Amino acid sequence: MNPFVRAQVDRLEAAVSGLEAVLDNLAESEGRLAREKQILQKELWRVEREKNAYRRAQEDYDTLEAAYQRIMERNREAKHGLEHVLERTKTLARYLGP
């Protein structure tokens, strides 16, 4: 075979071998990236579930806080009413005497 042609064929074979190595590396990288993507997707789902749980907890807290405030207001009103009844009872007791 012509030495010039042989040299060209050898260079082509070397280039093909190099391309095969590059393709193998790319395939490995693609597999690694696919695995990492899957891991990150699972992490995202976990974080989303946590976020939703915290959001529901915040809503529950807000509901409980509002109910607590209503109860505290009723207690203040009841205490005020009872103090008023006690004042009137003492006044009545003084008026009626022993």
C-alpha atoms as a PDB file:
ATOM      1  CA  MET A   1       0.000   0.000   0.000  1.00  0.00           C
ATOM      2  CA  ASN A   2       1.123   3.474  -0.740  1.00  0.00           C
ATOM      3  CA  PRO A   3       2.876   4.944   2.328  1.00  0.00           C
ATOM      4  CA  PHE A   4       0.950   8.195   2.010  1.00  0.00           C
ATOM      5  CA  VAL A   5      -2.376   6.322   1.912  1.00  0.00           C
ATOM      6  CA  ARG A   6      -1.216   4.101   4.788  1.00  0.00           C
ATOM      7  CA  ALA A   7      -0.398   7.192   6.869  1.00  0.00           C
ATOM      8  CA  GLN A   8      -3.821   8.674   6.101  1.00  0.00           C
ATOM      9  CA  VAL A   9      -5.562   5.413   7.040  1.00  0.00           C
ATOM     10  CA  ASP A  10      -3.555   5.221  10.272  1.00  0.00           C
ATOM     11  CA  ARG A  11      -4.536   8.800  11.139  1.00  0.00           C
ATOM     12  CA  LEU A  12      -8.162   8.013  10.382  1.00  0.00           C
ATOM     13  CA  GLU A  13      -8.038   4.902  12.552  1.00  0.00           C
ATOM     14  CA  ALA A  14      -6.459   6.905  15.363  1.00  0.00           C
ATOM     15  CA  ALA A  15      -9.113   9.590  14.984  1.00  0.00           C
ATOM     16  CA  VAL A  16     -11.872   6.951  15.055  1.00  0.00           C
ATOM     17  CA  SER A  17     -10.328   5.405  18.178  1.00  0.00           C
ATOM     18  CA  GLY A  18     -10.216   8.845  19.763  1.00  0.00           C
ATOM     19  CA  LEU A  19     -13.843   9.450  18.830  1.00  0.00           C
ATOM     20  CA  GLU A  20     -14.815   6.096  20.314  1.00  0.00           C
ATOM     21  CA  ALA A  21     -13.116   7.086  23.568  1.00  0.00           C
ATOM     22  CA  VAL A  22     -14.896  10.442  23.513  1.00  0.00           C
ATOM     23  CA  LEU A  23     -18.246   8.714  22.883  1.00  0.00           C
ATOM     24  CA  ASP A  24     -17.573   6.275  25.732  1.00  0.00           C
ATOM     25  CA  ASN A  25     -16.786   9.192  28.051  1.00  0.00           C
ATOM     26  CA  LEU A  26     -19.914  10.988  26.919  1.00  0.00           C
ATOM     27  CA  ALA A  27     -22.011   7.869  27.537  1.00  0.00           C
ATOM     28  CA  GLU A  28     -20.536   7.564  31.041  1.00  0.00           C
ATOM     29  CA  SER A  29     -21.162  11.250  31.694  1.00  0.00           C
ATOM     30  CA  GLU A  30     -24.726  10.929  30.425  1.00  0.00           C
ATOM     31  CA  GLY A  31     -25.358   7.983  32.762  1.00  0.00           C
ATOM     32  CA  ARG A  32     -23.826   9.834  35.699  1.00  0.00           C
ATOM     33  CA  LEU A  33     -25.859  12.945  34.934  1.00  0.00           C
ATOM     34  CA  ALA A  34     -29.036  10.866  34.634  1.00  0.00           C
ATOM     35  CA  ARG A  35     -28.365   9.326  38.067  1.00  0.00           C
ATOM     36  CA  GLU A  36     -27.631  12.752  39.563  1.00  0.00           C
ATOM     37  CA  LYS A  37     -30.796  14.141  37.992  1.00  0.00           C
ATOM     38  CA  GLN A  38     -32.805  11.323  39.535  1.00  0.00           C
ATOM     39  CA  ILE A  39     -31.242  11.984  42.949  1.00  0.00           C
ATOM     40  CA  LEU A  40     -31.949  15.700  42.652  1.00  0.00           C
ATOM     41  CA  GLN A  41     -35.527  15.007  41.524  1.00  0.00           C
ATOM     42  CA  LYS A  42     -36.105  12.839  44.598  1.00  0.00           C
ATOM     43  CA  GLU A  43     -34.594  15.575  46.786  1.00  0.00           C
ATOM     44  CA  LEU A  44     -36.861  18.144  45.141  1.00  0.00           C
ATOM     45  CA  TRP A  45     -39.913  15.983  45.831  1.00  0.00           C
ATOM     46  CA  ARG A  46     -38.819  15.580  49.473  1.00  0.00           C
ATOM     47  CA  VAL A  47     -38.349  19.331  49.858  1.00  0.00           C
ATOM     48  CA  GLU A  48     -41.746  19.977  48.232  1.00  0.00           C
ATOM     49  CA  ARG A  49     -43.415  17.557  50.663  1.00  0.00           C
ATOM     50  CA  GLU A  50     -41.681  19.273  53.573  1.00  0.00           C
ATOM     51  CA  LYS A  51     -42.680  22.694  52.270  1.00  0.00           C
ATOM     52  CA  ASN A  52     -46.298  21.576  51.995  1.00  0.00           C
ATOM     53  CA  ALA A  53     -46.189  20.126  55.500  1.00  0.00           C
ATOM     54  CA  TYR A  54     -44.819  23.414  56.856  1.00  0.00           C
ATOM     55  CA  ARG A  55     -47.458  25.365  54.936  1.00  0.00           C
ATOM     56  CA  ARG A  56     -50.226  23.200  56.421  1.00  0.00           C
ATOM     57  CA  ALA A  57     -48.684  23.560  59.877  1.00  0.00           C
ATOM     58  CA  GLN A  58     -48.612  27.344  59.429  1.00  0.00           C
ATOM     59  CA  GLU A  59     -52.275  27.332  58.388  1.00  0.00           C
ATOM     60  CA  ASP A  60     -53.140  25.158  61.408  1.00  0.00           C
ATOM     61  CA  TYR A  61     -51.158  27.469  63.655  1.00  0.00           C
ATOM     62  CA  ASP A  62     -52.950  30.528  62.270  1.00  0.00           C
ATOM     63  CA  THR A  63     -56.322  28.842  62.857  1.00  0.00           C
ATOM     64  CA  LEU A  64     -55.355  27.868  66.408  1.00  0.00           C
ATOM     65  CA  GLU A  65     -53.976  31.331  67.119  1.00  0.00           C
ATOM     66  CA  ALA A  66     -57.263  32.922  65.984  1.00  0.00           C
ATOM     67  CA  ALA A  67     -59.267  30.482  68.132  1.00  0.00           C
ATOM     68  CA  TYR A  68     -56.988  31.205  71.109  1.00  0.00           C
ATOM     69  CA  GLN A  69     -57.479  34.946  70.667  1.00  0.00           C
ATOM     70  CA  ARG A  70     -61.273  34.472  70.571  1.00  0.00           C
ATOM     71  CA  ILE A  71     -61.161  32.394  73.757  1.00  0.00           C
ATOM     72  CA  MET A  72     -58.937  34.953  75.481  1.00  0.00           C
ATOM     73  CA  GLU A  73     -61.385  37.726  74.521  1.00  0.00           C
ATOM     74  CA  ARG A  74     -64.315  35.687  75.884  1.00  0.00           C
ATOM     75  CA  ASN A  75     -62.372  35.080  79.104  1.00  0.00           C
ATOM     76  CA  ARG A  76     -61.680  38.820  79.443  1.00  0.00           C
ATOM     77  CA  GLU A  77     -65.355  39.570  78.870  1.00  0.00           C
ATOM     78  CA  ALA A  78     -66.410  36.903  81.398  1.00  0.00           C
ATOM     79  CA  LYS A  79     -63.907  38.182  83.950  1.00  0.00           C
ATOM     80  CA  HIS A  80     -65.133  41.744  83.426  1.00  0.00           C
ATOM     81  CA  GLY A  81     -68.741  40.559  83.806  1.00  0.00           C
ATOM     82  CA  LEU A  82     -67.926  38.615  86.964  1.00  0.00           C
ATOM     83  CA  GLU A  83     -66.109  41.600  88.449  1.00  0.00           C
ATOM     84  CA  HIS A  84     -69.173  43.725  87.686  1.00  0.00           C
ATOM     85  CA  VAL A  85     -71.459  41.136  89.363  1.00  0.00           C
ATOM     86  CA  LEU A  86     -69.139  41.044  92.387  1.00  0.00           C
ATOM     87  CA  GLU A  87     -69.221  44.847  92.674  1.00  0.00           C
ATOM     88  CA  ARG A  88     -73.009  44.861  92.514  1.00  0.00           C
ATOM     89  CA  THR A  89     -73.201  42.028  95.046  1.00  0.00           C
ATOM     90  CA  LYS A  90     -70.974  43.940  97.482  1.00  0.00           C
ATOM     91  CA  THR A  91     -73.038  47.098  96.948  1.00  0.00           C
ATOM     92  CA  LEU A  92     -76.236  45.157  97.512  1.00  0.00           C
ATOM     93  CA  ALA A  93     -74.753  43.517 100.633  1.00  0.00           C
ATOM     94  CA  ARG A  94     -73.841  46.956 102.027  1.00  0.00           C
ATOM     95  CA  TYR A  95     -77.267  48.307 101.170  1.00  0.00           C
ATOM     96  CA  LEU A  96     -79.131  45.384 102.762  1.00  0.00           C
ATOM     97  CA  GLY A  97     -76.838  45.266 105.728  1.00  0.00           C
ATOM     98  CA  PRO A  98     -75.973  42.305 107.952  1.00  0.00           C
END
